[in-house]
Amino acid sequence: MTEYILIIPDMMCEHCAKRIRDAIESSVGTVKSLDLETKKVIVSTPLSASELVAVISDAGYEAEVM
């Protein structure tokens, strides 16, 4: 498992956070931390960074790996 820190600029509310969390957790990942204020999500997953960004993109959000 690899841990990634993501910035998701369009994550504005609890509904956004739930959609992102559900997308990550349905693709063999674990959300370790999610902060709406900083728009930062920490994820543990066997996926590559590009695969993880694609999962979030499929949920309707842009993500940047830090």
PDB file of N, CA and C in Angstrom:
ATOM      1  N   MET A   1       0.840  -1.179   0.000  1.00  0.00           N
ATOM      2  CA  MET A   1       0.000   0.000   0.000  1.00  0.00           C
ATOM      3  C   MET A   1       0.890   1.248   0.000  1.00  0.00           C
ATOM      4  N   THR A   2       0.479   2.210  -0.783  1.00  0.00           N
ATOM      5  CA  THR A   2       1.188   3.493  -0.856  1.00  0.00           C
ATOM      6  C   THR A   2       0.274   4.568  -0.291  1.00  0.00           C
ATOM      7  N   GLU A   3       0.869   5.528   0.387  1.00  0.00           N
ATOM      8  CA  GLU A   3       0.089   6.639   0.918  1.00  0.00           C
ATOM      9  C   GLU A   3       0.311   7.864   0.051  1.00  0.00           C
ATOM     10  N   TYR A   4      -0.782   8.489  -0.365  1.00  0.00           N
ATOM     11  CA  TYR A   4      -0.735   9.688  -1.198  1.00  0.00           C
ATOM     12  C   TYR A   4      -1.431  10.833  -0.480  1.00  0.00           C
ATOM     13  N   ILE A   5      -0.921  12.036  -0.700  1.00  0.00           N
ATOM     14  CA  ILE A   5      -1.592  13.251  -0.250  1.00  0.00           C
ATOM     15  C   ILE A   5      -2.110  13.939  -1.505  1.00  0.00           C
ATOM     16  N   LEU A   6      -3.405  14.185  -1.515  1.00  0.00           N
ATOM     17  CA  LEU A   6      -4.056  14.799  -2.669  1.00  0.00           C
ATOM     18  C   LEU A   6      -4.647  16.146  -2.290  1.00  0.00           C
ATOM     19  N   ILE A   7      -4.628  17.059  -3.230  1.00  0.00           N
ATOM     20  CA  ILE A   7      -5.365  18.310  -3.116  1.00  0.00           C
ATOM     21  C   ILE A   7      -6.499  18.234  -4.136  1.00  0.00           C
ATOM     22  N   ILE A   8      -7.721  18.468  -3.655  1.00  0.00           N
ATOM     23  CA  ILE A   8      -8.900  18.409  -4.514  1.00  0.00           C
ATOM     24  C   ILE A   8      -9.600  19.768  -4.418  1.00  0.00           C
ATOM     25  N   PRO A   9      -9.245  20.709  -5.300  1.00  0.00           N
ATOM     26  CA  PRO A   9      -9.737  22.083  -5.193  1.00  0.00           C
ATOM     27  C   PRO A   9     -11.253  22.235  -5.238  1.00  0.00           C
ATOM     28  N   ASP A  10     -11.950  21.337  -5.929  1.00  0.00           N
ATOM     29  CA  ASP A  10     -13.408  21.460  -6.075  1.00  0.00           C
ATOM     30  C   ASP A  10     -14.182  20.822  -4.927  1.00  0.00           C
ATOM     31  N   MET A  11     -13.501  20.269  -3.935  1.00  0.00           N
ATOM     32  CA  MET A  11     -14.164  19.642  -2.788  1.00  0.00           C
ATOM     33  C   MET A  11     -14.633  20.755  -1.841  1.00  0.00           C
ATOM     34  N   MET A  12     -15.936  21.040  -1.875  1.00  0.00           N
ATOM     35  CA  MET A  12     -16.468  22.207  -1.163  1.00  0.00           C
ATOM     36  C   MET A  12     -17.330  21.878   0.054  1.00  0.00           C
ATOM     37  N   CYS A  13     -17.947  20.692   0.069  1.00  0.00           N
ATOM     38  CA  CYS A  13     -18.944  20.422   1.108  1.00  0.00           C
ATOM     39  C   CYS A  13     -18.905  18.940   1.511  1.00  0.00           C
ATOM     40  N   GLU A  14     -19.743  18.591   2.474  1.00  0.00           N
ATOM     41  CA  GLU A  14     -19.810  17.204   2.940  1.00  0.00           C
ATOM     42  C   GLU A  14     -20.266  16.255   1.828  1.00  0.00           C
ATOM     43  N   HIS A  15     -21.141  16.740   0.947  1.00  0.00           N
ATOM     44  CA  HIS A  15     -21.590  15.904  -0.168  1.00  0.00           C
ATOM     45  C   HIS A  15     -20.402  15.568  -1.079  1.00  0.00           C
ATOM     46  N   CYS A  16     -19.580  16.567  -1.385  1.00  0.00           N
ATOM     47  CA  CYS A  16     -18.369  16.339  -2.190  1.00  0.00           C
ATOM     48  C   CYS A  16     -17.465  15.331  -1.490  1.00  0.00           C
ATOM     49  N   ALA A  17     -17.259  15.544  -0.209  1.00  0.00           N
ATOM     50  CA  ALA A  17     -16.378  14.665   0.569  1.00  0.00           C
ATOM     51  C   ALA A  17     -16.885  13.223   0.529  1.00  0.00           C
ATOM     52  N   LYS A  18     -18.195  13.034   0.664  1.00  0.00           N
ATOM     53  CA  LYS A  18     -18.763  11.684   0.628  1.00  0.00           C
ATOM     54  C   LYS A  18     -18.562  11.036  -0.736  1.00  0.00           C
ATOM     55  N   ARG A  19     -18.788  11.787  -1.802  1.00  0.00           N
ATOM     56  CA  ARG A  19     -18.596  11.225  -3.154  1.00  0.00           C
ATOM     57  C   ARG A  19     -17.148  10.803  -3.372  1.00  0.00           C
ATOM     58  N   ILE A  20     -16.224  11.639  -2.915  1.00  0.00           N
ATOM     59  CA  ILE A  20     -14.797  11.333  -3.079  1.00  0.00           C
ATOM     60  C   ILE A  20     -14.414  10.129  -2.225  1.00  0.00           C
ATOM     61  N   ARG A  21     -14.855  10.121  -0.967  1.00  0.00           N
ATOM     62  CA  ARG A  21     -14.556   8.992  -0.074  1.00  0.00           C
ATOM     63  C   ARG A  21     -15.119   7.687  -0.654  1.00  0.00           C
ATOM     64  N   ASP A  22     -16.365   7.718  -1.120  1.00  0.00           N
ATOM     65  CA  ASP A  22     -16.988   6.519  -1.690  1.00  0.00           C
ATOM     66  C   ASP A  22     -16.233   6.036  -2.928  1.00  0.00           C
ATOM     67  N   ALA A  23     -15.807   6.956  -3.780  1.00  0.00           N
ATOM     68  CA  ALA A  23     -15.074   6.576  -4.995  1.00  0.00           C
ATOM     69  C   ALA A  23     -13.748   5.914  -4.639  1.00  0.00           C
ATOM     70  N   ILE A  24     -13.037   6.491  -3.684  1.00  0.00           N
ATOM     71  CA  ILE A  24     -11.739   5.931  -3.288  1.00  0.00           C
ATOM     72  C   ILE A  24     -11.923   4.571  -2.631  1.00  0.00           C
ATOM     73  N   GLU A  25     -12.858   4.473  -1.705  1.00  0.00           N
ATOM     74  CA  GLU A  25     -13.032   3.230  -0.966  1.00  0.00           C
ATOM     75  C   GLU A  25     -13.623   2.115  -1.822  1.00  0.00           C
ATOM     76  N   SER A  26     -14.320   2.457  -2.898  1.00  0.00           N
ATOM     77  CA  SER A  26     -14.845   1.420  -3.789  1.00  0.00           C
ATOM     78  C   SER A  26     -13.771   0.922  -4.760  1.00  0.00           C
ATOM     79  N   SER A  27     -12.615   1.577  -4.784  1.00  0.00           N
ATOM     80  CA  SER A  27     -11.538   1.182  -5.700  1.00  0.00           C
ATOM     81  C   SER A  27     -10.309   0.691  -4.933  1.00  0.00           C
ATOM     82  N   VAL A  28     -10.523   0.009  -3.829  1.00  0.00           N
ATOM     83  CA  VAL A  28      -9.460  -0.604  -3.031  1.00  0.00           C
ATOM     84  C   VAL A  28      -8.530   0.444  -2.418  1.00  0.00           C
ATOM     85  N   GLY A  29      -9.109   1.457  -1.848  1.00  0.00           N
ATOM     86  CA  GLY A  29      -8.328   2.463  -1.155  1.00  0.00           C
ATOM     87  C   GLY A  29      -8.957   2.783   0.181  1.00  0.00           C
ATOM     88  N   THR A  30      -8.181   3.391   1.056  1.00  0.00           N
ATOM     89  CA  THR A  30      -8.667   3.803   2.361  1.00  0.00           C
ATOM     90  C   THR A  30      -8.383   5.287   2.539  1.00  0.00           C
ATOM     91  N   VAL A  31      -9.399   6.051   2.880  1.00  0.00           N
ATOM     92  CA  VAL A  31      -9.214   7.472   3.179  1.00  0.00           C
ATOM     93  C   VAL A  31      -8.765   7.558   4.632  1.00  0.00           C
ATOM     94  N   LYS A  32      -7.519   7.998   4.834  1.00  0.00           N
ATOM     95  CA  LYS A  32      -6.986   8.105   6.187  1.00  0.00           C
ATOM     96  C   LYS A  32      -7.333   9.444   6.814  1.00  0.00           C
ATOM     97  N   SER A  33      -7.492  10.472   5.977  1.00  0.00           N
ATOM     98  CA  SER A  33      -7.817  11.815   6.457  1.00  0.00           C
ATOM     99  C   SER A  33      -8.442  12.592   5.317  1.00  0.00           C
ATOM    100  N   LEU A  34      -9.430  13.421   5.656  1.00  0.00           N
ATOM    101  CA  LEU A  34     -10.084  14.255   4.659  1.00  0.00           C
ATOM    102  C   LEU A  34     -10.416  15.577   5.343  1.00  0.00           C
ATOM    103  N   ASP A  35      -9.889  16.678   4.805  1.00  0.00           N
ATOM    104  CA  ASP A  35     -10.078  17.997   5.413  1.00  0.00           C
ATOM    105  C   ASP A  35     -10.685  18.939   4.378  1.00  0.00           C
ATOM    106  N   LEU A  36     -11.940  19.312   4.600  1.00  0.00           N
ATOM    107  CA  LEU A  36     -12.627  20.207   3.662  1.00  0.00           C
ATOM    108  C   LEU A  36     -11.989  21.586   3.619  1.00  0.00           C
ATOM    109  N   GLU A  37     -11.502  22.074   4.750  1.00  0.00           N
ATOM    110  CA  GLU A  37     -10.939  23.422   4.806  1.00  0.00           C
ATOM    111  C   GLU A  37      -9.688  23.557   3.940  1.00  0.00           C
ATOM    112  N   THR A  38      -8.778  22.574   4.046  1.00  0.00           N
ATOM    113  CA  THR A  38      -7.532  22.628   3.266  1.00  0.00           C
ATOM    114  C   THR A  38      -7.657  21.916   1.924  1.00  0.00           C
ATOM    115  N   LYS A  39      -8.786  21.196   1.758  1.00  0.00           N
ATOM    116  CA  LYS A  39      -9.056  20.424   0.535  1.00  0.00           C
ATOM    117  C   LYS A  39      -8.036  19.300   0.336  1.00  0.00           C
ATOM    118  N   LYS A  40      -7.501  18.804   1.446  1.00  0.00           N
ATOM    119  CA  LYS A  40      -6.467  17.773   1.429  1.00  0.00           C
ATOM    120  C   LYS A  40      -7.065  16.426   1.833  1.00  0.00           C
ATOM    121  N   VAL A  41      -6.687  15.398   1.076  1.00  0.00           N
ATOM    122  CA  VAL A  41      -7.112  14.033   1.363  1.00  0.00           C
ATOM    123  C   VAL A  41      -5.860  13.158   1.407  1.00  0.00           C
ATOM    124  N   ILE A  42      -5.760  12.343   2.446  1.00  0.00           N
ATOM    125  CA  ILE A  42      -4.662  11.382   2.555  1.00  0.00           C
ATOM    126  C   ILE A  42      -5.258  10.001   2.326  1.00  0.00           C
ATOM    127  N   VAL A  43      -4.680   9.284   1.368  1.00  0.00           N
ATOM    128  CA  VAL A  43      -5.221   8.000   0.923  1.00  0.00           C
ATOM    129  C   VAL A  43      -4.140   6.937   0.983  1.00  0.00           C
ATOM    130  N   SER A  44      -4.518   5.760   1.437  1.00  0.00           N
ATOM    131  CA  SER A  44      -3.658   4.588   1.394  1.00  0.00           C
ATOM    132  C   SER A  44      -4.272   3.622   0.386  1.00  0.00           C
ATOM    133  N   THR A  45      -3.497   3.227  -0.640  1.00  0.00           N
ATOM    134  CA  THR A  45      -4.046   2.406  -1.720  1.00  0.00           C
ATOM    135  C   THR A  45      -2.935   1.664  -2.457  1.00  0.00           C
ATOM    136  N   PRO A  46      -3.261   0.529  -3.063  1.00  0.00           N
ATOM    137  CA  PRO A  46      -2.298  -0.149  -3.927  1.00  0.00           C
ATOM    138  C   PRO A  46      -2.262   0.447  -5.341  1.00  0.00           C
ATOM    139  N   LEU A  47      -3.184   1.358  -5.640  1.00  0.00           N
ATOM    140  CA  LEU A  47      -3.233   1.988  -6.964  1.00  0.00           C
ATOM    141  C   LEU A  47      -2.040   2.911  -7.170  1.00  0.00           C
ATOM    142  N   SER A  48      -1.696   3.148  -8.427  1.00  0.00           N
ATOM    143  CA  SER A  48      -0.678   4.152  -8.745  1.00  0.00           C
ATOM    144  C   SER A  48      -1.301   5.537  -8.599  1.00  0.00           C
ATOM    145  N   ALA A  49      -0.462   6.557  -8.568  1.00  0.00           N
ATOM    146  CA  ALA A  49      -0.952   7.931  -8.450  1.00  0.00           C
ATOM    147  C   ALA A  49      -1.886   8.268  -9.599  1.00  0.00           C
ATOM    148  N   SER A  50      -1.524   7.884 -10.821  1.00  0.00           N
ATOM    149  CA  SER A  50      -2.372   8.210 -11.974  1.00  0.00           C
ATOM    150  C   SER A  50      -3.703   7.453 -11.921  1.00  0.00           C
ATOM    151  N   GLU A  51      -3.695   6.222 -11.433  1.00  0.00           N
ATOM    152  CA  GLU A  51      -4.943   5.472 -11.291  1.00  0.00           C
ATOM    153  C   GLU A  51      -5.848   6.120 -10.245  1.00  0.00           C
ATOM    154  N   LEU A  52      -5.250   6.585  -9.151  1.00  0.00           N
ATOM    155  CA  LEU A  52      -6.011   7.242  -8.098  1.00  0.00           C
ATOM    156  C   LEU A  52      -6.629   8.549  -8.601  1.00  0.00           C
ATOM    157  N   VAL A  53      -5.874   9.326  -9.335  1.00  0.00           N
ATOM    158  CA  VAL A  53      -6.389  10.570  -9.916  1.00  0.00           C
ATOM    159  C   VAL A  53      -7.538  10.259 -10.880  1.00  0.00           C
ATOM    160  N   ALA A  54      -7.425   9.169 -11.636  1.00  0.00           N
ATOM    161  CA  ALA A  54      -8.484   8.772 -12.564  1.00  0.00           C
ATOM    162  C   ALA A  54      -9.763   8.391 -11.817  1.00  0.00           C
ATOM    163  N   VAL A  55      -9.630   7.714 -10.683  1.00  0.00           N
ATOM    164  CA  VAL A  55     -10.796   7.347  -9.866  1.00  0.00           C
ATOM    165  C   VAL A  55     -11.524   8.610  -9.408  1.00  0.00           C
ATOM    166  N   ILE A  56     -10.766   9.599  -8.955  1.00  0.00           N
ATOM    167  CA  ILE A  56     -11.358  10.846  -8.484  1.00  0.00           C
ATOM    168  C   ILE A  56     -11.966  11.623  -9.650  1.00  0.00           C
ATOM    169  N   SER A  57     -11.309  11.584 -10.790  1.00  0.00           N
ATOM    170  CA  SER A  57     -11.829  12.237 -11.992  1.00  0.00           C
ATOM    171  C   SER A  57     -13.158  11.609 -12.406  1.00  0.00           C
ATOM    172  N   ASP A  58     -13.246  10.290 -12.322  1.00  0.00           N
ATOM    173  CA  ASP A  58     -14.495   9.593 -12.657  1.00  0.00           C
ATOM    174  C   ASP A  58     -15.631   9.998 -11.721  1.00  0.00           C
ATOM    175  N   ALA A  59     -15.283  10.422 -10.504  1.00  0.00           N
ATOM    176  CA  ALA A  59     -16.290  10.883  -9.540  1.00  0.00           C
ATOM    177  C   ALA A  59     -16.671  12.342  -9.786  1.00  0.00           C
ATOM    178  N   GLY A  60     -15.969  13.008 -10.729  1.00  0.00           N
ATOM    179  CA  GLY A  60     -16.330  14.369 -11.099  1.00  0.00           C
ATOM    180  C   GLY A  60     -15.454  15.460 -10.502  1.00  0.00           C
ATOM    181  N   TYR A  61     -14.279  15.087 -10.005  1.00  0.00           N
ATOM    182  CA  TYR A  61     -13.403  16.061  -9.356  1.00  0.00           C
ATOM    183  C   TYR A  61     -11.986  15.982  -9.914  1.00  0.00           C
ATOM    184  N   GLU A  62     -11.289  17.107  -9.902  1.00  0.00           N
ATOM    185  CA  GLU A  62      -9.886  17.125 -10.273  1.00  0.00           C
ATOM    186  C   GLU A  62      -9.059  16.945  -9.017  1.00  0.00           C
ATOM    187  N   ALA A  63      -7.936  16.254  -9.145  1.00  0.00           N
ATOM    188  CA  ALA A  63      -7.064  16.027  -7.986  1.00  0.00           C
ATOM    189  C   ALA A  63      -5.612  16.222  -8.413  1.00  0.00           C
ATOM    190  N   GLU A  64      -4.828  16.698  -7.474  1.00  0.00           N
ATOM    191  CA  GLU A  64      -3.387  16.865  -7.688  1.00  0.00           C
ATOM    192  C   GLU A  64      -2.677  16.103  -6.585  1.00  0.00           C
ATOM    193  N   VAL A  65      -1.726  15.260  -6.965  1.00  0.00           N
ATOM    194  CA  VAL A  65      -0.929  14.517  -5.997  1.00  0.00           C
ATOM    195  C   VAL A  65       0.225  15.408  -5.544  1.00  0.00           C
ATOM    196  N   MET A  66       0.365  15.526  -4.257  1.00  0.00           N
ATOM    197  CA  MET A  66       1.468  16.343  -3.718  1.00  0.00           C
ATOM    198  C   MET A  66       2.713  15.498  -3.571  1.00  0.00           C
TER     199      MET A  66
END
